[in-house]
């Protein structure tokens, strides 16, 4: 079986969002900011592994409070997962993050998430 880590799954998600799709779906409410995660099938395809290999990782990430899955709605990051995603965006994908969101919006979202410098 293929062995993945959270880091690899999150990095693949960021690559799909910023490099392949050039689109990020953000949900904001009074206290939280969440990001729509790519589907399990899209991630499996991107990682070039069977879909069923990805499913246990999503179950673990949900159990660890990184994502939330809602049937027929999709997968979104939790507060903890959003911080992890933004840290990756700010370190490995800063150029792509600013290109997709615009520098000012990216920095404001980073501040709100709590990952600014």
PDB file of N, CA and C in Angstrom:
ATOM      1  N   UNK A   1       0.838  -1.188   0.000  1.00  0.00           N
ATOM      2  CA  UNK A   1       0.000   0.000   0.000  1.00  0.00           C
ATOM      3  C   UNK A   1       0.875   1.240   0.000  1.00  0.00           C
ATOM      4  N   UNK A   2       0.447   2.257  -0.693  1.00  0.00           N
ATOM      5  CA  UNK A   2       1.147   3.524  -0.745  1.00  0.00           C
ATOM      6  C   UNK A   2       1.069   4.199   0.616  1.00  0.00           C
ATOM      7  N   UNK A   3       2.184   4.746   1.071  1.00  0.00           N
ATOM      8  CA  UNK A   3       2.216   5.433   2.352  1.00  0.00           C
ATOM      9  C   UNK A   3       2.259   6.936   2.114  1.00  0.00           C
ATOM     10  N   UNK A   4       1.280   7.628   2.647  1.00  0.00           N
ATOM     11  CA  UNK A   4       1.201   9.077   2.532  1.00  0.00           C
ATOM     12  C   UNK A   4       1.288   9.702   3.909  1.00  0.00           C
ATOM     13  N   UNK A   5       1.524  10.997   3.935  1.00  0.00           N
ATOM     14  CA  UNK A   5       1.478  11.759   5.173  1.00  0.00           C
ATOM     15  C   UNK A   5       0.470  12.882   5.000  1.00  0.00           C
ATOM     16  N   UNK A   6       0.062  13.468   6.115  1.00  0.00           N
ATOM     17  CA  UNK A   6      -0.806  14.652   6.042  1.00  0.00           C
ATOM     18  C   UNK A   6      -0.161  15.707   5.158  1.00  0.00           C
ATOM     19  N   UNK A   7       1.135  15.885   5.365  1.00  0.00           N
ATOM     20  CA  UNK A   7       1.854  16.916   4.618  1.00  0.00           C
ATOM     21  C   UNK A   7       1.720  16.710   3.113  1.00  0.00           C
ATOM     22  N   UNK A   8       1.866  15.478   2.669  1.00  0.00           N
ATOM     23  CA  UNK A   8       1.747  15.180   1.236  1.00  0.00           C
ATOM     24  C   UNK A   8       0.326  15.412   0.725  1.00  0.00           C
ATOM     25  N   UNK A   9      -0.655  15.051   1.517  1.00  0.00           N
ATOM     26  CA  UNK A   9      -2.044  15.257   1.112  1.00  0.00           C
ATOM     27  C   UNK A   9      -2.357  16.750   1.068  1.00  0.00           C
ATOM     28  N   UNK A  10      -1.935  17.481   2.100  1.00  0.00           N
ATOM     29  CA  UNK A  10      -2.172  18.926   2.120  1.00  0.00           C
ATOM     30  C   UNK A  10      -1.410  19.622   0.997  1.00  0.00           C
ATOM     31  N   UNK A  11      -0.188  19.206   0.737  1.00  0.00           N
ATOM     32  CA  UNK A  11       0.576  19.810  -0.348  1.00  0.00           C
ATOM     33  C   UNK A  11      -0.080  19.535  -1.699  1.00  0.00           C
ATOM     34  N   UNK A  12      -0.571  18.321  -1.890  1.00  0.00           N
ATOM     35  CA  UNK A  12      -1.279  18.007  -3.138  1.00  0.00           C
ATOM     36  C   UNK A  12      -2.530  18.868  -3.264  1.00  0.00           C
ATOM     37  N   UNK A  13      -3.239  19.068  -2.158  1.00  0.00           N
ATOM     38  CA  UNK A  13      -4.441  19.905  -2.182  1.00  0.00           C
ATOM     39  C   UNK A  13      -4.091  21.339  -2.590  1.00  0.00           C
ATOM     40  N   UNK A  14      -3.023  21.878  -2.014  1.00  0.00           N
ATOM     41  CA  UNK A  14      -2.600  23.246  -2.355  1.00  0.00           C
ATOM     42  C   UNK A  14      -2.196  23.322  -3.821  1.00  0.00           C
ATOM     43  N   UNK A  15      -1.483  22.340  -4.304  1.00  0.00           N
ATOM     44  CA  UNK A  15      -1.073  22.331  -5.721  1.00  0.00           C
ATOM     45  C   UNK A  15      -2.295  22.305  -6.651  1.00  0.00           C
ATOM     46  N   UNK A  16      -3.272  21.496  -6.302  1.00  0.00           N
ATOM     47  CA  UNK A  16      -4.491  21.427  -7.119  1.00  0.00           C
ATOM     48  C   UNK A  16      -5.208  22.776  -7.101  1.00  0.00           C
ATOM     49  N   UNK A  17      -5.392  23.331  -5.911  1.00  0.00           N
ATOM     50  CA  UNK A  17      -6.115  24.594  -5.761  1.00  0.00           C
ATOM     51  C   UNK A  17      -5.404  25.739  -6.484  1.00  0.00           C
ATOM     52  N   UNK A  18      -4.118  25.896  -6.227  1.00  0.00           N
ATOM     53  CA  UNK A  18      -3.406  27.078  -6.710  1.00  0.00           C
ATOM     54  C   UNK A  18      -2.787  26.927  -8.096  1.00  0.00           C
ATOM     55  N   UNK A  19      -2.293  25.750  -8.426  1.00  0.00           N
ATOM     56  CA  UNK A  19      -1.539  25.588  -9.674  1.00  0.00           C
ATOM     57  C   UNK A  19      -2.409  25.010 -10.783  1.00  0.00           C
ATOM     58  N   UNK A  20      -3.240  24.035 -10.448  1.00  0.00           N
ATOM     59  CA  UNK A  20      -4.074  23.436 -11.487  1.00  0.00           C
ATOM     60  C   UNK A  20      -5.365  24.217 -11.717  1.00  0.00           C
ATOM     61  N   UNK A  21      -6.054  24.547 -10.644  1.00  0.00           N
ATOM     62  CA  UNK A  21      -7.362  25.178 -10.789  1.00  0.00           C
ATOM     63  C   UNK A  21      -7.316  26.700 -10.711  1.00  0.00           C
ATOM     64  N   UNK A  22      -6.275  27.259 -10.117  1.00  0.00           N
ATOM     65  CA  UNK A  22      -6.162  28.715  -9.919  1.00  0.00           C
ATOM     66  C   UNK A  22      -7.428  29.270  -9.276  1.00  0.00           C
ATOM     67  N   UNK A  23      -7.970  28.514  -8.321  1.00  0.00           N
ATOM     68  CA  UNK A  23      -9.234  28.893  -7.702  1.00  0.00           C
ATOM     69  C   UNK A  23      -9.289  28.330  -6.288  1.00  0.00           C
ATOM     70  N   UNK A  24      -9.724  29.168  -5.361  1.00  0.00           N
ATOM     71  CA  UNK A  24      -9.844  28.737  -3.972  1.00  0.00           C
ATOM     72  C   UNK A  24     -11.225  29.129  -3.465  1.00  0.00           C
ATOM     73  N   UNK A  25     -11.899  28.202  -2.823  1.00  0.00           N
ATOM     74  CA  UNK A  25     -13.218  28.474  -2.267  1.00  0.00           C
ATOM     75  C   UNK A  25     -13.069  28.607  -0.761  1.00  0.00           C
ATOM     76  N   UNK A  26     -13.375  29.793  -0.265  1.00  0.00           N
ATOM     77  CA  UNK A  26     -13.218  30.107   1.152  1.00  0.00           C
ATOM     78  C   UNK A  26     -14.585  30.385   1.743  1.00  0.00           C
ATOM     79  N   UNK A  27     -14.838  29.823   2.910  1.00  0.00           N
ATOM     80  CA  UNK A  27     -16.064  30.117   3.653  1.00  0.00           C
ATOM     81  C   UNK A  27     -15.671  30.881   4.902  1.00  0.00           C
ATOM     82  N   UNK A  28     -16.297  32.016   5.080  1.00  0.00           N
ATOM     83  CA  UNK A  28     -16.036  32.851   6.251  1.00  0.00           C
ATOM     84  C   UNK A  28     -17.311  32.981   7.061  1.00  0.00           C
ATOM     85  N   UNK A  29     -17.161  32.904   8.356  1.00  0.00           N
ATOM     86  CA  UNK A  29     -18.256  33.324   9.215  1.00  0.00           C
ATOM     87  C   UNK A  29     -17.639  34.096  10.361  1.00  0.00           C
ATOM     88  N   UNK A  30     -18.419  34.428  11.318  1.00  0.00           N
ATOM     89  CA  UNK A  30     -17.959  35.305  12.392  1.00  0.00           C
ATOM     90  C   UNK A  30     -16.658  34.834  13.048  1.00  0.00           C
ATOM     91  N   UNK A  31     -16.526  33.536  13.245  1.00  0.00           N
ATOM     92  CA  UNK A  31     -15.378  33.036  14.007  1.00  0.00           C
ATOM     93  C   UNK A  31     -14.434  32.131  13.239  1.00  0.00           C
ATOM     94  N   UNK A  32     -14.804  31.692  12.057  1.00  0.00           N
ATOM     95  CA  UNK A  32     -13.962  30.722  11.369  1.00  0.00           C
ATOM     96  C   UNK A  32     -13.774  31.041   9.892  1.00  0.00           C
ATOM     97  N   UNK A  33     -12.715  30.490   9.381  1.00  0.00           N
ATOM     98  CA  UNK A  33     -12.401  30.563   7.956  1.00  0.00           C
ATOM     99  C   UNK A  33     -12.065  29.139   7.540  1.00  0.00           C
ATOM    100  N   UNK A  34     -12.756  28.627   6.553  1.00  0.00           N
ATOM    101  CA  UNK A  34     -12.455  27.278   6.079  1.00  0.00           C
ATOM    102  C   UNK A  34     -12.255  27.311   4.571  1.00  0.00           C
ATOM    103  N   UNK A  35     -11.524  26.332   4.089  1.00  0.00           N
ATOM    104  CA  UNK A  35     -11.201  26.240   2.672  1.00  0.00           C
ATOM    105  C   UNK A  35     -11.728  24.916   2.140  1.00  0.00           C
ATOM    106  N   UNK A  36     -12.350  24.978   0.984  1.00  0.00           N
ATOM    107  CA  UNK A  36     -12.854  23.766   0.342  1.00  0.00           C
ATOM    108  C   UNK A  36     -11.673  22.949  -0.141  1.00  0.00           C
ATOM    109  N   UNK A  37     -11.618  21.717   0.280  1.00  0.00           N
ATOM    110  CA  UNK A  37     -10.568  20.781  -0.100  1.00  0.00           C
ATOM    111  C   UNK A  37     -10.960  20.118  -1.422  1.00  0.00           C
ATOM    112  N   UNK A  38      -9.997  19.756  -2.239  1.00  0.00           N
ATOM    113  CA  UNK A  38     -10.341  18.972  -3.443  1.00  0.00           C
ATOM    114  C   UNK A  38     -10.994  17.653  -3.032  1.00  0.00           C
ATOM    115  N   UNK A  39     -11.746  17.079  -3.934  1.00  0.00           N
ATOM    116  CA  UNK A  39     -12.401  15.803  -3.638  1.00  0.00           C
ATOM    117  C   UNK A  39     -11.350  14.706  -3.461  1.00  0.00           C
ATOM    118  N   UNK A  40     -11.770  13.633  -2.821  1.00  0.00           N
ATOM    119  CA  UNK A  40     -10.859  12.501  -2.635  1.00  0.00           C
ATOM    120  C   UNK A  40     -10.446  11.924  -3.989  1.00  0.00           C
ATOM    121  N   UNK A  41     -11.372  11.898  -4.922  1.00  0.00           N
ATOM    122  CA  UNK A  41     -11.056  11.371  -6.265  1.00  0.00           C
ATOM    123  C   UNK A  41     -10.048  12.272  -6.980  1.00  0.00           C
ATOM    124  N   UNK A  42     -10.207  13.570  -6.868  1.00  0.00           N
ATOM    125  CA  UNK A  42      -9.287  14.511  -7.506  1.00  0.00           C
ATOM    126  C   UNK A  42      -7.886  14.361  -6.895  1.00  0.00           C
ATOM    127  N   UNK A  43      -7.810  14.228  -5.588  1.00  0.00           N
ATOM    128  CA  UNK A  43      -6.514  14.045  -4.928  1.00  0.00           C
ATOM    129  C   UNK A  43      -5.871  12.723  -5.321  1.00  0.00           C
ATOM    130  N   UNK A  44      -6.658  11.660  -5.359  1.00  0.00           N
ATOM    131  CA  UNK A  44      -6.121  10.353  -5.757  1.00  0.00           C
ATOM    132  C   UNK A  44      -5.585  10.414  -7.185  1.00  0.00           C
ATOM    133  N   UNK A  45      -6.337  11.036  -8.061  1.00  0.00           N
ATOM    134  CA  UNK A  45      -5.899  11.186  -9.449  1.00  0.00           C
ATOM    135  C   UNK A  45      -4.595  11.980  -9.517  1.00  0.00           C
ATOM    136  N   UNK A  46      -4.540  13.082  -8.779  1.00  0.00           N
ATOM    137  CA  UNK A  46      -3.344  13.923  -8.776  1.00  0.00           C
ATOM    138  C   UNK A  46      -2.132  13.151  -8.236  1.00  0.00           C
ATOM    139  N   UNK A  47      -2.350  12.396  -7.170  1.00  0.00           N
ATOM    140  CA  UNK A  47      -1.272  11.617  -6.546  1.00  0.00           C
ATOM    141  C   UNK A  47      -0.971  10.318  -7.297  1.00  0.00           C
ATOM    142  N   UNK A  48      -1.768  10.026  -8.309  1.00  0.00           N
ATOM    143  CA  UNK A  48      -1.620   8.828  -9.127  1.00  0.00           C
ATOM    144  C   UNK A  48      -1.672   7.547  -8.302  1.00  0.00           C
ATOM    145  N   UNK A  49      -2.682   7.503  -7.440  1.00  0.00           N
ATOM    146  CA  UNK A  49      -2.924   6.311  -6.628  1.00  0.00           C
ATOM    147  C   UNK A  49      -4.413   5.980  -6.706  1.00  0.00           C
ATOM    148  N   UNK A  50      -4.789   4.750  -6.407  1.00  0.00           N
ATOM    149  CA  UNK A  50      -6.206   4.395  -6.415  1.00  0.00           C
ATOM    150  C   UNK A  50      -6.991   5.214  -5.379  1.00  0.00           C
ATOM    151  N   UNK A  51      -8.208   5.511  -5.709  1.00  0.00           N
ATOM    152  CA  UNK A  51      -9.073   6.310  -4.845  1.00  0.00           C
ATOM    153  C   UNK A  51      -9.167   5.733  -3.430  1.00  0.00           C
ATOM    154  N   UNK A  52      -9.280   4.422  -3.330  1.00  0.00           N
ATOM    155  CA  UNK A  52      -9.456   3.803  -2.014  1.00  0.00           C
ATOM    156  C   UNK A  52      -8.224   3.944  -1.117  1.00  0.00           C
ATOM    157  N   UNK A  53      -7.052   4.285  -1.670  1.00  0.00           N
ATOM    158  CA  UNK A  53      -5.876   4.543  -0.837  1.00  0.00           C
ATOM    159  C   UNK A  53      -5.985   5.876  -0.107  1.00  0.00           C
ATOM    160  N   UNK A  54      -6.702   6.805  -0.687  1.00  0.00           N
ATOM    161  CA  UNK A  54      -6.818   8.142  -0.105  1.00  0.00           C
ATOM    162  C   UNK A  54      -7.845   8.175   1.030  1.00  0.00           C
ATOM    163  N   UNK A  55      -8.869   7.365   0.931  1.00  0.00           N
ATOM    164  CA  UNK A  55      -9.970   7.417   1.896  1.00  0.00           C
ATOM    165  C   UNK A  55      -9.552   7.275   3.361  1.00  0.00           C
ATOM    166  N   UNK A  56      -8.665   6.334   3.705  1.00  0.00           N
ATOM    167  CA  UNK A  56      -8.268   6.232   5.121  1.00  0.00           C
ATOM    168  C   UNK A  56      -7.553   7.485   5.634  1.00  0.00           C
ATOM    169  N   UNK A  57      -6.836   8.164   4.762  1.00  0.00           N
ATOM    170  CA  UNK A  57      -6.155   9.397   5.179  1.00  0.00           C
ATOM    171  C   UNK A  57      -7.154  10.498   5.494  1.00  0.00           C
ATOM    172  N   UNK A  58      -8.219  10.560   4.720  1.00  0.00           N
ATOM    173  CA  UNK A  58      -9.256  11.545   4.999  1.00  0.00           C
ATOM    174  C   UNK A  58      -9.963  11.213   6.306  1.00  0.00           C
ATOM    175  N   UNK A  59     -10.170   9.939   6.576  1.00  0.00           N
ATOM    176  CA  UNK A  59     -10.779   9.530   7.844  1.00  0.00           C
ATOM    177  C   UNK A  59      -9.884   9.926   9.011  1.00  0.00           C
ATOM    178  N   UNK A  60      -8.573   9.716   8.866  1.00  0.00           N
ATOM    179  CA  UNK A  60      -7.629  10.101   9.925  1.00  0.00           C
ATOM    180  C   UNK A  60      -7.582  11.614  10.099  1.00  0.00           C
ATOM    181  N   UNK A  61      -7.572  12.341   8.981  1.00  0.00           N
ATOM    182  CA  UNK A  61      -7.525  13.802   9.070  1.00  0.00           C
ATOM    183  C   UNK A  61      -8.795  14.345   9.713  1.00  0.00           C
ATOM    184  N   UNK A  62      -9.917  13.710   9.440  1.00  0.00           N
ATOM    185  CA  UNK A  62     -11.161  14.135  10.069  1.00  0.00           C
ATOM    186  C   UNK A  62     -11.124  13.825  11.568  1.00  0.00           C
ATOM    187  N   UNK A  63     -10.648  12.646  11.922  1.00  0.00           N
ATOM    188  CA  UNK A  63     -10.547  12.262  13.330  1.00  0.00           C
ATOM    189  C   UNK A  63      -9.609  13.197  14.092  1.00  0.00           C
ATOM    190  N   UNK A  64      -8.537  13.647  13.434  1.00  0.00           N
ATOM    191  CA  UNK A  64      -7.567  14.544  14.071  1.00  0.00           C
ATOM    192  C   UNK A  64      -7.974  16.020  14.006  1.00  0.00           C
ATOM    193  N   UNK A  65      -9.166  16.285  13.488  1.00  0.00           N
ATOM    194  CA  UNK A  65      -9.674  17.651  13.493  1.00  0.00           C
ATOM    195  C   UNK A  65      -9.073  18.565  12.443  1.00  0.00           C
ATOM    196  N   UNK A  66      -8.579  18.000  11.334  1.00  0.00           N
ATOM    197  CA  UNK A  66      -7.984  18.811  10.269  1.00  0.00           C
ATOM    198  C   UNK A  66      -9.005  19.198   9.202  1.00  0.00           C
ATOM    199  N   UNK A  67      -9.967  18.303   8.970  1.00  0.00           N
ATOM    200  CA  UNK A  67     -10.989  18.538   7.948  1.00  0.00           C
ATOM    201  C   UNK A  67     -12.346  18.120   8.487  1.00  0.00           C
ATOM    202  N   UNK A  68     -13.354  18.538   7.778  1.00  0.00           N
ATOM    203  CA  UNK A  68     -14.703  18.072   8.058  1.00  0.00           C
ATOM    204  C   UNK A  68     -15.318  17.662   6.727  1.00  0.00           C
ATOM    205  N   UNK A  69     -16.009  16.543   6.733  1.00  0.00           N
ATOM    206  CA  UNK A  69     -16.658  16.043   5.514  1.00  0.00           C
ATOM    207  C   UNK A  69     -18.165  16.058   5.722  1.00  0.00           C
ATOM    208  N   UNK A  70     -18.853  16.612   4.742  1.00  0.00           N
ATOM    209  CA  UNK A  70     -20.313  16.623   4.779  1.00  0.00           C
ATOM    210  C   UNK A  70     -20.785  16.017   3.467  1.00  0.00           C
ATOM    211  N   UNK A  71     -21.549  14.938   3.584  1.00  0.00           N
ATOM    212  CA  UNK A  71     -22.025  14.246   2.387  1.00  0.00           C
ATOM    213  C   UNK A  71     -22.796  15.198   1.482  1.00  0.00           C
ATOM    214  N   UNK A  72     -22.490  15.123   0.213  1.00  0.00           N
ATOM    215  CA  UNK A  72     -23.103  15.931  -0.845  1.00  0.00           C
ATOM    216  C   UNK A  72     -22.754  17.421  -0.762  1.00  0.00           C
ATOM    217  N   UNK A  73     -21.914  17.798   0.182  1.00  0.00           N
ATOM    218  CA  UNK A  73     -21.463  19.185   0.295  1.00  0.00           C
ATOM    219  C   UNK A  73     -19.984  19.270  -0.037  1.00  0.00           C
ATOM    220  N   UNK A  74     -19.199  18.402   0.573  1.00  0.00           N
ATOM    221  CA  UNK A  74     -17.779  18.374   0.283  1.00  0.00           C
ATOM    222  C   UNK A  74     -16.925  18.340   1.529  1.00  0.00           C
ATOM    223  N   UNK A  75     -15.663  18.562   1.308  1.00  0.00           N
ATOM    224  CA  UNK A  75     -14.650  18.498   2.354  1.00  0.00           C
ATOM    225  C   UNK A  75     -14.084  19.899   2.543  1.00  0.00           C
ATOM    226  N   UNK A  76     -14.025  20.324   3.796  1.00  0.00           N
ATOM    227  CA  UNK A  76     -13.465  21.635   4.106  1.00  0.00           C
ATOM    228  C   UNK A  76     -12.512  21.517   5.276  1.00  0.00           C
ATOM    229  N   UNK A  77     -11.601  22.455   5.347  1.00  0.00           N
ATOM    230  CA  UNK A  77     -10.668  22.482   6.464  1.00  0.00           C
ATOM    231  C   UNK A  77     -11.379  22.988   7.714  1.00  0.00           C
ATOM    232  N   UNK A  78     -10.897  22.529   8.847  1.00  0.00           N
ATOM    233  CA  UNK A  78     -11.313  23.065  10.141  1.00  0.00           C
ATOM    234  C   UNK A  78     -10.338  24.194  10.472  1.00  0.00           C
ATOM    235  N   UNK A  79     -10.475  24.810  11.610  1.00  0.00           N
ATOM    236  CA  UNK A  79      -9.538  25.869  12.013  1.00  0.00           C
ATOM    237  C   UNK A  79      -8.094  25.339  12.000  1.00  0.00           C
ATOM    238  N   UNK A  80      -7.911  24.161  12.549  1.00  0.00           N
ATOM    239  CA  UNK A  80      -6.580  23.537  12.581  1.00  0.00           C
ATOM    240  C   UNK A  80      -6.064  23.244  11.166  1.00  0.00           C
ATOM    241  N   UNK A  81      -6.924  22.702  10.320  1.00  0.00           N
ATOM    242  CA  UNK A  81      -6.539  22.401   8.947  1.00  0.00           C
ATOM    243  C   UNK A  81      -6.278  23.652   8.127  1.00  0.00           C
ATOM    244  N   UNK A  82      -7.058  24.702   8.371  1.00  0.00           N
ATOM    245  CA  UNK A  82      -6.866  25.966   7.660  1.00  0.00           C
ATOM    246  C   UNK A  82      -5.497  26.551   7.988  1.00  0.00           C
ATOM    247  N   UNK A  83      -5.108  26.489   9.254  1.00  0.00           N
ATOM    248  CA  UNK A  83      -3.774  26.987   9.641  1.00  0.00           C
ATOM    249  C   UNK A  83      -2.682  26.204   8.929  1.00  0.00           C
ATOM    250  N   UNK A  84      -2.834  24.905   8.866  1.00  0.00           N
ATOM    251  CA  UNK A  84      -1.839  24.068   8.189  1.00  0.00           C
ATOM    252  C   UNK A  84      -1.770  24.424   6.702  1.00  0.00           C
ATOM    253  N   UNK A  85      -2.923  24.581   6.079  1.00  0.00           N
ATOM    254  CA  UNK A  85      -2.973  24.927   4.662  1.00  0.00           C
ATOM    255  C   UNK A  85      -2.326  26.281   4.402  1.00  0.00           C
ATOM    256  N   UNK A  86      -2.636  27.278   5.241  1.00  0.00           N
ATOM    257  CA  UNK A  86      -2.067  28.608   5.045  1.00  0.00           C
ATOM    258  C   UNK A  86      -0.560  28.637   5.311  1.00  0.00           C
ATOM    259  N   UNK A  87      -0.094  27.831   6.242  1.00  0.00           N
ATOM    260  CA  UNK A  87       1.361  27.752   6.459  1.00  0.00           C
ATOM    261  C   UNK A  87       2.058  27.223   5.213  1.00  0.00           C
ATOM    262  N   UNK A  88       1.475  26.210   4.596  1.00  0.00           N
ATOM    263  CA  UNK A  88       2.029  25.682   3.341  1.00  0.00           C
ATOM    264  C   UNK A  88       1.968  26.736   2.241  1.00  0.00           C
ATOM    265  N   UNK A  89       0.845  27.422   2.150  1.00  0.00           N
ATOM    266  CA  UNK A  89       0.680  28.454   1.127  1.00  0.00           C
ATOM    267  C   UNK A  89       1.712  29.569   1.313  1.00  0.00           C
ATOM    268  N   UNK A  90       2.026  29.901   2.558  1.00  0.00           N
ATOM    269  CA  UNK A  90       2.949  31.001   2.844  1.00  0.00           C
ATOM    270  C   UNK A  90       4.410  30.598   2.696  1.00  0.00           C
ATOM    271  N   UNK A  91       4.692  29.312   2.761  1.00  0.00           N
ATOM    272  CA  UNK A  91       6.091  28.888   2.672  1.00  0.00           C
ATOM    273  C   UNK A  91       6.424  28.328   1.297  1.00  0.00           C
ATOM    274  N   UNK A  92       5.798  27.241   0.933  1.00  0.00           N
ATOM    275  CA  UNK A  92       6.132  26.575  -0.336  1.00  0.00           C
ATOM    276  C   UNK A  92       5.433  27.169  -1.556  1.00  0.00           C
ATOM    277  N   UNK A  93       4.324  27.879  -1.341  1.00  0.00           N
ATOM    278  CA  UNK A  93       3.505  28.344  -2.462  1.00  0.00           C
ATOM    279  C   UNK A  93       3.147  29.827  -2.352  1.00  0.00           C
ATOM    280  N   UNK A  94       4.061  30.622  -1.850  1.00  0.00           N
ATOM    281  CA  UNK A  94       3.771  32.040  -1.632  1.00  0.00           C
ATOM    282  C   UNK A  94       3.442  32.761  -2.940  1.00  0.00           C
ATOM    283  N   UNK A  95       4.257  32.556  -3.954  1.00  0.00           N
ATOM    284  CA  UNK A  95       4.038  33.215  -5.244  1.00  0.00           C
ATOM    285  C   UNK A  95       2.673  32.840  -5.818  1.00  0.00           C
ATOM    286  N   UNK A  96       2.346  31.563  -5.813  1.00  0.00           N
ATOM    287  CA  UNK A  96       1.088  31.083  -6.358  1.00  0.00           C
ATOM    288  C   UNK A  96      -0.105  31.560  -5.528  1.00  0.00           C
ATOM    289  N   UNK A  97       0.083  31.625  -4.200  1.00  0.00           N
ATOM    290  CA  UNK A  97      -0.982  32.092  -3.314  1.00  0.00           C
ATOM    291  C   UNK A  97      -1.325  33.539  -3.590  1.00  0.00           C
ATOM    292  N   UNK A  98      -0.286  34.347  -3.717  1.00  0.00           N
ATOM    293  CA  UNK A  98      -0.504  35.773  -3.989  1.00  0.00           C
ATOM    294  C   UNK A  98      -1.051  35.991  -5.396  1.00  0.00           C
ATOM    295  N   UNK A  99      -0.661  35.159  -6.339  1.00  0.00           N
ATOM    296  CA  UNK A  99      -1.184  35.280  -7.705  1.00  0.00           C
ATOM    297  C   UNK A  99      -2.671  34.938  -7.749  1.00  0.00           C
ATOM    298  N   UNK A 100      -3.089  33.923  -7.005  1.00  0.00           N
ATOM    299  CA  UNK A 100      -4.478  33.501  -7.018  1.00  0.00           C
ATOM    300  C   UNK A 100      -5.368  34.440  -6.207  1.00  0.00           C
ATOM    301  N   UNK A 101      -4.913  34.821  -5.030  1.00  0.00           N
ATOM    302  CA  UNK A 101      -5.735  35.630  -4.129  1.00  0.00           C
ATOM    303  C   UNK A 101      -5.475  37.127  -4.223  1.00  0.00           C
ATOM    304  N   UNK A 102      -4.316  37.486  -4.733  1.00  0.00           N
ATOM    305  CA  UNK A 102      -3.883  38.873  -4.647  1.00  0.00           C
ATOM    306  C   UNK A 102      -3.121  39.032  -3.346  1.00  0.00           C
ATOM    307  N   UNK A 103      -2.058  39.808  -3.364  1.00  0.00           N
ATOM    308  CA  UNK A 103      -1.179  39.930  -2.196  1.00  0.00           C
ATOM    309  C   UNK A 103      -1.912  40.456  -0.964  1.00  0.00           C
ATOM    310  N   UNK A 104      -2.717  41.497  -1.139  1.00  0.00           N
ATOM    311  CA  UNK A 104      -3.391  42.113   0.013  1.00  0.00           C
ATOM    312  C   UNK A 104      -4.386  41.149   0.662  1.00  0.00           C
ATOM    313  N   UNK A 105      -5.190  40.482  -0.148  1.00  0.00           N
ATOM    314  CA  UNK A 105      -6.163  39.543   0.396  1.00  0.00           C
ATOM    315  C   UNK A 105      -5.461  38.365   1.060  1.00  0.00           C
ATOM    316  N   UNK A 106      -4.415  37.849   0.417  1.00  0.00           N
ATOM    317  CA  UNK A 106      -3.684  36.736   1.009  1.00  0.00           C
ATOM    318  C   UNK A 106      -3.145  37.117   2.389  1.00  0.00           C
ATOM    319  N   UNK A 107      -2.543  38.284   2.489  1.00  0.00           N
ATOM    320  CA  UNK A 107      -1.980  38.722   3.779  1.00  0.00           C
ATOM    321  C   UNK A 107      -3.076  38.937   4.814  1.00  0.00           C
ATOM    322  N   UNK A 108      -4.210  39.477   4.419  1.00  0.00           N
ATOM    323  CA  UNK A 108      -5.324  39.663   5.363  1.00  0.00           C
ATOM    324  C   UNK A 108      -5.857  38.317   5.839  1.00  0.00           C
ATOM    325  N   UNK A 109      -5.999  37.362   4.936  1.00  0.00           N
ATOM    326  CA  UNK A 109      -6.466  36.031   5.336  1.00  0.00           C
ATOM    327  C   UNK A 109      -5.454  35.348   6.244  1.00  0.00           C
ATOM    328  N   UNK A 110      -4.174  35.493   5.933  1.00  0.00           N
ATOM    329  CA  UNK A 110      -3.125  34.933   6.813  1.00  0.00           C
ATOM    330  C   UNK A 110      -3.228  35.519   8.212  1.00  0.00           C
ATOM    331  N   UNK A 111      -3.450  36.817   8.276  1.00  0.00           N
ATOM    332  CA  UNK A 111      -3.572  37.485   9.580  1.00  0.00           C
ATOM    333  C   UNK A 111      -4.779  36.926  10.337  1.00  0.00           C
ATOM    334  N   UNK A 112      -5.883  36.799   9.615  1.00  0.00           N
ATOM    335  CA  UNK A 112      -7.107  36.317  10.263  1.00  0.00           C
ATOM    336  C   UNK A 112      -6.954  34.870  10.734  1.00  0.00           C
ATOM    337  N   UNK A 113      -6.276  34.057   9.952  1.00  0.00           N
ATOM    338  CA  UNK A 113      -6.057  32.653  10.309  1.00  0.00           C
ATOM    339  C   UNK A 113      -5.047  32.535  11.450  1.00  0.00           C
ATOM    340  N   UNK A 114      -4.156  33.514  11.553  1.00  0.00           N
ATOM    341  CA  UNK A 114      -3.165  33.498  12.634  1.00  0.00           C
ATOM    342  C   UNK A 114      -1.851  32.883  12.216  1.00  0.00           C
ATOM    343  N   UNK A 115      -1.532  32.926  10.910  1.00  0.00           N
ATOM    344  CA  UNK A 115      -0.255  32.382  10.434  1.00  0.00           C
ATOM    345  C   UNK A 115       0.660  33.455   9.888  1.00  0.00           C
ATOM    346  N   UNK A 116       0.331  34.728  10.141  1.00  0.00           N
ATOM    347  CA  UNK A 116       1.218  35.788   9.661  1.00  0.00           C
ATOM    348  C   UNK A 116       2.498  35.776  10.484  1.00  0.00           C
ATOM    349  N   UNK A 117       3.572  36.100   9.843  1.00  0.00           N
ATOM    350  CA  UNK A 117       4.934  36.106  10.416  1.00  0.00           C
ATOM    351  C   UNK A 117       4.903  35.863  11.856  1.00  0.00           C
TER     352      UNK A 117
END
